[in-house]
Amino acid sequence: MKRNLFYLTYMAVLVTFAVVIHTVEAALPLPMPVPGVKLGLANIITLLAIVLYGLRSGLIVSILRTLLGSFFSGSFLSFGFWLSLAGGVTSCLVMALAVLLVKRKAISLVSVSILGAVTHNLAQLAAASFIIANASLFVGYFPLLLLLGVPTGLFTGLAAHYLAGITARVIRQAGSAGSIP
């Protein structure tokens, strides 16, 4: 019972952080060459959830972040909402698969994050192409999104790597203190 309560509490904190980051980032005017491009800082929290608790938890954080964040920022069910949802879910699936390689020490968490950022951009492009029924978006936007996805994925990966180490220690300490049976 205590273990489940600890997990639910921690997931609530992760979702809250992700929603706050998503909402603040949506309000920041960034000088980007592609309309609607963001740094993807909320993906740090999604990756952290995947590393600590697995795919299911990562999907919960990603979906709730998109739903609640778009609701709070006023973009619920808009074009951007659907792009964000498609990108978030797809990148979460790819990052969860890539985390298996991290556990085998084949790649780093930074590489996982870069894969997630590029996948997020590709999924958003695919969703936009589907919604407006025009596949030519890939020709113009894919190189730019790839160019932007690598450095943002690098930054979020470094942040997630740092936070995963800290968070794992906190969870272990809580467990050894009797909070988790």
C-alpha atoms as a PDB file:
ATOM      1  CA  MET A   1       0.000   0.000   0.000  1.00  0.00           C
ATOM      2  CA  LYS A   2       2.777   2.457   0.940  1.00  0.00           C
ATOM      3  CA  ARG A   3       4.682   1.582  -2.239  1.00  0.00           C
ATOM      4  CA  ASN A   4       1.644   2.379  -4.396  1.00  0.00           C
ATOM      5  CA  LEU A   5       1.024   5.644  -2.542  1.00  0.00           C
ATOM      6  CA  PHE A   6       4.658   6.648  -3.016  1.00  0.00           C
ATOM      7  CA  TYR A   7       4.438   5.895  -6.755  1.00  0.00           C
ATOM      8  CA  LEU A   8       1.189   7.853  -7.153  1.00  0.00           C
ATOM      9  CA  THR A   9       2.613  10.797  -5.239  1.00  0.00           C
ATOM     10  CA  TYR A  10       5.787  10.810  -7.285  1.00  0.00           C
ATOM     11  CA  MET A  11       3.818  10.543 -10.550  1.00  0.00           C
ATOM     12  CA  ALA A  12       1.649  13.486  -9.464  1.00  0.00           C
ATOM     13  CA  VAL A  13       4.795  15.522  -8.867  1.00  0.00           C
ATOM     14  CA  LEU A  14       6.224  14.529 -12.264  1.00  0.00           C
ATOM     15  CA  VAL A  15       2.978  15.412 -14.063  1.00  0.00           C
ATOM     16  CA  THR A  16       2.802  18.729 -12.214  1.00  0.00           C
ATOM     17  CA  PHE A  17       6.381  19.627 -13.173  1.00  0.00           C
ATOM     18  CA  ALA A  18       5.748  18.629 -16.789  1.00  0.00           C
ATOM     19  CA  VAL A  19       2.528  20.678 -17.000  1.00  0.00           C
ATOM     20  CA  VAL A  20       4.170  23.753 -15.475  1.00  0.00           C
ATOM     21  CA  ILE A  21       7.164  23.520 -17.821  1.00  0.00           C
ATOM     22  CA  HIS A  22       4.877  22.913 -20.832  1.00  0.00           C
ATOM     23  CA  THR A  23       2.666  25.893 -19.944  1.00  0.00           C
ATOM     24  CA  VAL A  24       5.550  28.284 -19.260  1.00  0.00           C
ATOM     25  CA  GLU A  25       7.341  27.216 -22.416  1.00  0.00           C
ATOM     26  CA  ALA A  26       4.176  27.764 -24.478  1.00  0.00           C
ATOM     27  CA  ALA A  27       4.002  31.330 -23.163  1.00  0.00           C
ATOM     28  CA  LEU A  28       7.623  32.170 -24.010  1.00  0.00           C
ATOM     29  CA  PRO A  29       8.179  33.860 -27.362  1.00  0.00           C
ATOM     30  CA  LEU A  30      11.238  32.120 -28.793  1.00  0.00           C
ATOM     31  CA  PRO A  31      12.968  33.407 -31.911  1.00  0.00           C
ATOM     32  CA  MET A  32      12.883  30.142 -33.885  1.00  0.00           C
ATOM     33  CA  PRO A  33      13.045  29.814 -37.675  1.00  0.00           C
ATOM     34  CA  VAL A  34      10.096  27.405 -37.720  1.00  0.00           C
ATOM     35  CA  PRO A  35       6.675  28.477 -36.376  1.00  0.00           C
ATOM     36  CA  GLY A  36       5.598  26.621 -33.242  1.00  0.00           C
ATOM     37  CA  VAL A  37       9.011  25.134 -32.419  1.00  0.00           C
ATOM     38  CA  LYS A  38       9.765  24.913 -28.703  1.00  0.00           C
ATOM     39  CA  LEU A  39      12.751  23.718 -26.727  1.00  0.00           C
ATOM     40  CA  GLY A  40      10.868  20.665 -25.451  1.00  0.00           C
ATOM     41  CA  LEU A  41      11.893  21.093 -21.831  1.00  0.00           C
ATOM     42  CA  ALA A  42       8.874  19.133 -20.568  1.00  0.00           C
ATOM     43  CA  ASN A  43      10.356  16.081 -22.305  1.00  0.00           C
ATOM     44  CA  ILE A  44      12.961  16.041 -19.525  1.00  0.00           C
ATOM     45  CA  ILE A  45      10.203  14.960 -17.158  1.00  0.00           C
ATOM     46  CA  THR A  46       8.813  12.368 -19.592  1.00  0.00           C
ATOM     47  CA  LEU A  47      12.261  10.836 -20.005  1.00  0.00           C
ATOM     48  CA  LEU A  48      12.756  10.863 -16.253  1.00  0.00           C
ATOM     49  CA  ALA A  49       9.447   9.001 -15.792  1.00  0.00           C
ATOM     50  CA  ILE A  50      10.503   6.386 -18.361  1.00  0.00           C
ATOM     51  CA  VAL A  51      13.889   5.854 -16.715  1.00  0.00           C
ATOM     52  CA  LEU A  52      12.471   5.575 -13.201  1.00  0.00           C
ATOM     53  CA  TYR A  53       9.147   3.807 -13.784  1.00  0.00           C
ATOM     54  CA  GLY A  54       8.942   2.581 -17.393  1.00  0.00           C
ATOM     55  CA  LEU A  55       6.909   3.164 -20.537  1.00  0.00           C
ATOM     56  CA  ARG A  56       3.466   3.267 -18.920  1.00  0.00           C
ATOM     57  CA  SER A  57       4.518   6.050 -16.563  1.00  0.00           C
ATOM     58  CA  GLY A  58       6.209   7.958 -19.369  1.00  0.00           C
ATOM     59  CA  LEU A  59       3.017   7.792 -21.426  1.00  0.00           C
ATOM     60  CA  ILE A  60       0.949   8.972 -18.468  1.00  0.00           C
ATOM     61  CA  VAL A  61       3.224  11.983 -17.976  1.00  0.00           C
ATOM     62  CA  SER A  62       3.336  12.778 -21.697  1.00  0.00           C
ATOM     63  CA  ILE A  63      -0.418  12.525 -22.280  1.00  0.00           C
ATOM     64  CA  LEU A  64      -1.455  14.344 -19.099  1.00  0.00           C
ATOM     65  CA  ARG A  65       1.137  17.042 -19.754  1.00  0.00           C
ATOM     66  CA  THR A  66      -0.279  17.621 -23.220  1.00  0.00           C
ATOM     67  CA  LEU A  67      -3.909  17.560 -22.084  1.00  0.00           C
ATOM     68  CA  LEU A  68      -3.509  19.758 -19.009  1.00  0.00           C
ATOM     69  CA  GLY A  69      -0.813  22.011 -20.472  1.00  0.00           C
ATOM     70  CA  SER A  70      -2.892  22.772 -23.558  1.00  0.00           C
ATOM     71  CA  PHE A  71      -5.930  23.365 -21.392  1.00  0.00           C
ATOM     72  CA  PHE A  72      -4.071  25.869 -19.203  1.00  0.00           C
ATOM     73  CA  SER A  73      -2.403  27.587 -22.154  1.00  0.00           C
ATOM     74  CA  GLY A  74      -5.674  27.872 -24.075  1.00  0.00           C
ATOM     75  CA  SER A  75      -4.771  25.562 -26.945  1.00  0.00           C
ATOM     76  CA  PHE A  76      -6.876  22.531 -25.976  1.00  0.00           C
ATOM     77  CA  LEU A  77      -7.997  20.573 -29.083  1.00  0.00           C
ATOM     78  CA  SER A  78      -6.278  23.089 -31.382  1.00  0.00           C
ATOM     79  CA  PHE A  79      -3.964  22.215 -34.256  1.00  0.00           C
ATOM     80  CA  GLY A  80      -0.976  22.587 -31.910  1.00  0.00           C
ATOM     81  CA  PHE A  81      -2.587  20.280 -29.354  1.00  0.00           C
ATOM     82  CA  TRP A  82      -2.817  17.418 -31.850  1.00  0.00           C
ATOM     83  CA  LEU A  83       0.752  17.981 -33.007  1.00  0.00           C
ATOM     84  CA  SER A  84       1.982  17.988 -29.418  1.00  0.00           C
ATOM     85  CA  LEU A  85       0.036  14.839 -28.559  1.00  0.00           C
ATOM     86  CA  ALA A  86       1.302  12.962 -31.633  1.00  0.00           C
ATOM     87  CA  GLY A  87       4.879  14.037 -30.981  1.00  0.00           C
ATOM     88  CA  GLY A  88       4.749  13.313 -27.269  1.00  0.00           C
ATOM     89  CA  VAL A  89       3.294   9.819 -27.537  1.00  0.00           C
ATOM     90  CA  THR A  90       5.510   8.764 -30.442  1.00  0.00           C
ATOM     91  CA  SER A  91       8.700  10.092 -28.905  1.00  0.00           C
ATOM     92  CA  CYS A  92       7.788   8.458 -25.589  1.00  0.00           C
ATOM     93  CA  LEU A  93       7.486   5.069 -27.305  1.00  0.00           C
ATOM     94  CA  VAL A  94      10.836   5.493 -29.075  1.00  0.00           C
ATOM     95  CA  MET A  95      12.593   6.700 -25.914  1.00  0.00           C
ATOM     96  CA  ALA A  96      11.224   3.747 -23.917  1.00  0.00           C
ATOM     97  CA  LEU A  97      12.677   1.338 -26.473  1.00  0.00           C
ATOM     98  CA  ALA A  98      15.977   3.210 -26.493  1.00  0.00           C
ATOM     99  CA  VAL A  99      16.188   3.144 -22.679  1.00  0.00           C
ATOM    100  CA  LEU A 100      16.543  -0.632 -22.988  1.00  0.00           C
ATOM    101  CA  LEU A 101      19.821   0.049 -24.808  1.00  0.00           C
ATOM    102  CA  VAL A 102      20.906   2.381 -22.015  1.00  0.00           C
ATOM    103  CA  LYS A 103      20.426  -0.440 -19.517  1.00  0.00           C
ATOM    104  CA  ARG A 104      22.759  -2.560 -21.676  1.00  0.00           C
ATOM    105  CA  LYS A 105      25.200   0.375 -21.728  1.00  0.00           C
ATOM    106  CA  ALA A 106      24.984   0.499 -25.542  1.00  0.00           C
ATOM    107  CA  ILE A 107      23.923   4.168 -25.678  1.00  0.00           C
ATOM    108  CA  SER A 108      23.585   7.060 -23.253  1.00  0.00           C
ATOM    109  CA  LEU A 109      20.534   8.849 -21.911  1.00  0.00           C
ATOM    110  CA  VAL A 110      21.593  11.848 -23.985  1.00  0.00           C
ATOM    111  CA  SER A 111      21.329   9.711 -27.129  1.00  0.00           C
ATOM    112  CA  VAL A 112      17.874   8.584 -26.033  1.00  0.00           C
ATOM    113  CA  SER A 113      16.827  12.194 -25.628  1.00  0.00           C
ATOM    114  CA  ILE A 114      18.141  13.165 -29.065  1.00  0.00           C
ATOM    115  CA  LEU A 115      16.228  10.238 -30.583  1.00  0.00           C
ATOM    116  CA  GLY A 116      13.133  11.401 -28.719  1.00  0.00           C
ATOM    117  CA  ALA A 117      13.495  15.006 -29.922  1.00  0.00           C
ATOM    118  CA  VAL A 118      13.958  14.003 -33.550  1.00  0.00           C
ATOM    119  CA  THR A 119      11.079  11.513 -33.312  1.00  0.00           C
ATOM    120  CA  HIS A 120       8.896  14.179 -31.715  1.00  0.00           C
ATOM    121  CA  ASN A 121       9.572  16.497 -34.660  1.00  0.00           C
ATOM    122  CA  LEU A 122       8.937  13.749 -37.223  1.00  0.00           C
ATOM    123  CA  ALA A 123       5.667  12.744 -35.579  1.00  0.00           C
ATOM    124  CA  GLN A 124       4.528  16.357 -35.480  1.00  0.00           C
ATOM    125  CA  LEU A 125       5.368  16.759 -39.150  1.00  0.00           C
ATOM    126  CA  ALA A 126       3.490  13.551 -39.975  1.00  0.00           C
ATOM    127  CA  ALA A 127       0.455  14.700 -37.974  1.00  0.00           C
ATOM    128  CA  ALA A 128       0.505  18.147 -39.616  1.00  0.00           C
ATOM    129  CA  SER A 129       0.811  16.568 -43.066  1.00  0.00           C
ATOM    130  CA  PHE A 130      -2.113  14.299 -42.281  1.00  0.00           C
ATOM    131  CA  ILE A 131      -4.303  17.083 -40.886  1.00  0.00           C
ATOM    132  CA  ILE A 132      -3.755  19.456 -43.793  1.00  0.00           C
ATOM    133  CA  ALA A 133      -3.457  16.627 -46.354  1.00  0.00           C
ATOM    134  CA  ASN A 134      -0.138  17.862 -47.727  1.00  0.00           C
ATOM    135  CA  ALA A 135       2.967  15.663 -47.482  1.00  0.00           C
ATOM    136  CA  SER A 136       5.194  18.361 -48.973  1.00  0.00           C
ATOM    137  CA  LEU A 137       5.723  19.733 -45.458  1.00  0.00           C
ATOM    138  CA  PHE A 138       8.462  17.126 -45.041  1.00  0.00           C
ATOM    139  CA  VAL A 139      10.535  18.664 -47.845  1.00  0.00           C
ATOM    140  CA  GLY A 140      10.658  22.147 -46.368  1.00  0.00           C
ATOM    141  CA  TYR A 141      10.531  21.534 -42.640  1.00  0.00           C
ATOM    142  CA  PHE A 142      12.288  18.218 -41.984  1.00  0.00           C
ATOM    143  CA  PRO A 143      15.875  19.508 -42.383  1.00  0.00           C
ATOM    144  CA  LEU A 144      15.162  22.479 -40.119  1.00  0.00           C
ATOM    145  CA  LEU A 145      13.428  20.366 -37.501  1.00  0.00           C
ATOM    146  CA  LEU A 146      16.244  17.839 -37.553  1.00  0.00           C
ATOM    147  CA  LEU A 147      18.770  20.629 -37.130  1.00  0.00           C
ATOM    148  CA  LEU A 148      16.799  22.038 -34.176  1.00  0.00           C
ATOM    149  CA  GLY A 149      15.978  18.645 -32.628  1.00  0.00           C
ATOM    150  CA  VAL A 150      19.568  17.551 -32.084  1.00  0.00           C
ATOM    151  CA  PRO A 151      20.724  20.424 -29.827  1.00  0.00           C
ATOM    152  CA  THR A 152      17.446  20.552 -27.891  1.00  0.00           C
ATOM    153  CA  GLY A 153      17.587  16.775 -27.431  1.00  0.00           C
ATOM    154  CA  LEU A 154      21.175  17.092 -26.253  1.00  0.00           C
ATOM    155  CA  PHE A 155      20.227  19.680 -23.634  1.00  0.00           C
ATOM    156  CA  THR A 156      17.166  17.781 -22.371  1.00  0.00           C
ATOM    157  CA  GLY A 157      19.192  14.560 -22.288  1.00  0.00           C
ATOM    158  CA  LEU A 158      21.906  16.141 -20.145  1.00  0.00           C
ATOM    159  CA  ALA A 159      19.269  17.541 -17.789  1.00  0.00           C
ATOM    160  CA  ALA A 160      17.441  14.186 -17.591  1.00  0.00           C
ATOM    161  CA  HIS A 161      20.722  12.338 -16.937  1.00  0.00           C
ATOM    162  CA  TYR A 162      21.555  14.681 -14.066  1.00  0.00           C
ATOM    163  CA  LEU A 163      18.023  14.565 -12.610  1.00  0.00           C
ATOM    164  CA  ALA A 164      17.744  10.769 -12.945  1.00  0.00           C
ATOM    165  CA  GLY A 165      20.800  10.306 -10.746  1.00  0.00           C
ATOM    166  CA  ILE A 166      19.523  12.699  -8.091  1.00  0.00           C
ATOM    167  CA  THR A 167      15.992  11.316  -8.162  1.00  0.00           C
ATOM    168  CA  ALA A 168      17.134   7.692  -7.942  1.00  0.00           C
ATOM    169  CA  ARG A 169      19.131   8.560  -4.797  1.00  0.00           C
ATOM    170  CA  VAL A 170      16.113  10.317  -3.265  1.00  0.00           C
ATOM    171  CA  ILE A 171      13.896   7.303  -3.996  1.00  0.00           C
ATOM    172  CA  ARG A 172      16.481   4.921  -2.489  1.00  0.00           C
ATOM    173  CA  GLN A 173      16.808   7.081   0.621  1.00  0.00           C
ATOM    174  CA  ALA A 174      13.035   7.244   1.032  1.00  0.00           C
ATOM    175  CA  GLY A 175      12.906   3.464   0.705  1.00  0.00           C
ATOM    176  CA  SER A 176      15.662   2.869   3.240  1.00  0.00           C
ATOM    177  CA  ALA A 177      14.004   5.304   5.672  1.00  0.00           C
ATOM    178  CA  GLY A 178      10.937   3.100   5.789  1.00  0.00           C
ATOM    179  CA  SER A 179       8.702   5.051   3.434  1.00  0.00           C
ATOM    180  CA  ILE A 180       8.578   2.121   1.021  1.00  0.00           C
ATOM    181  CA  PRO A 181       8.163  -1.397   2.405  1.00  0.00           C
END
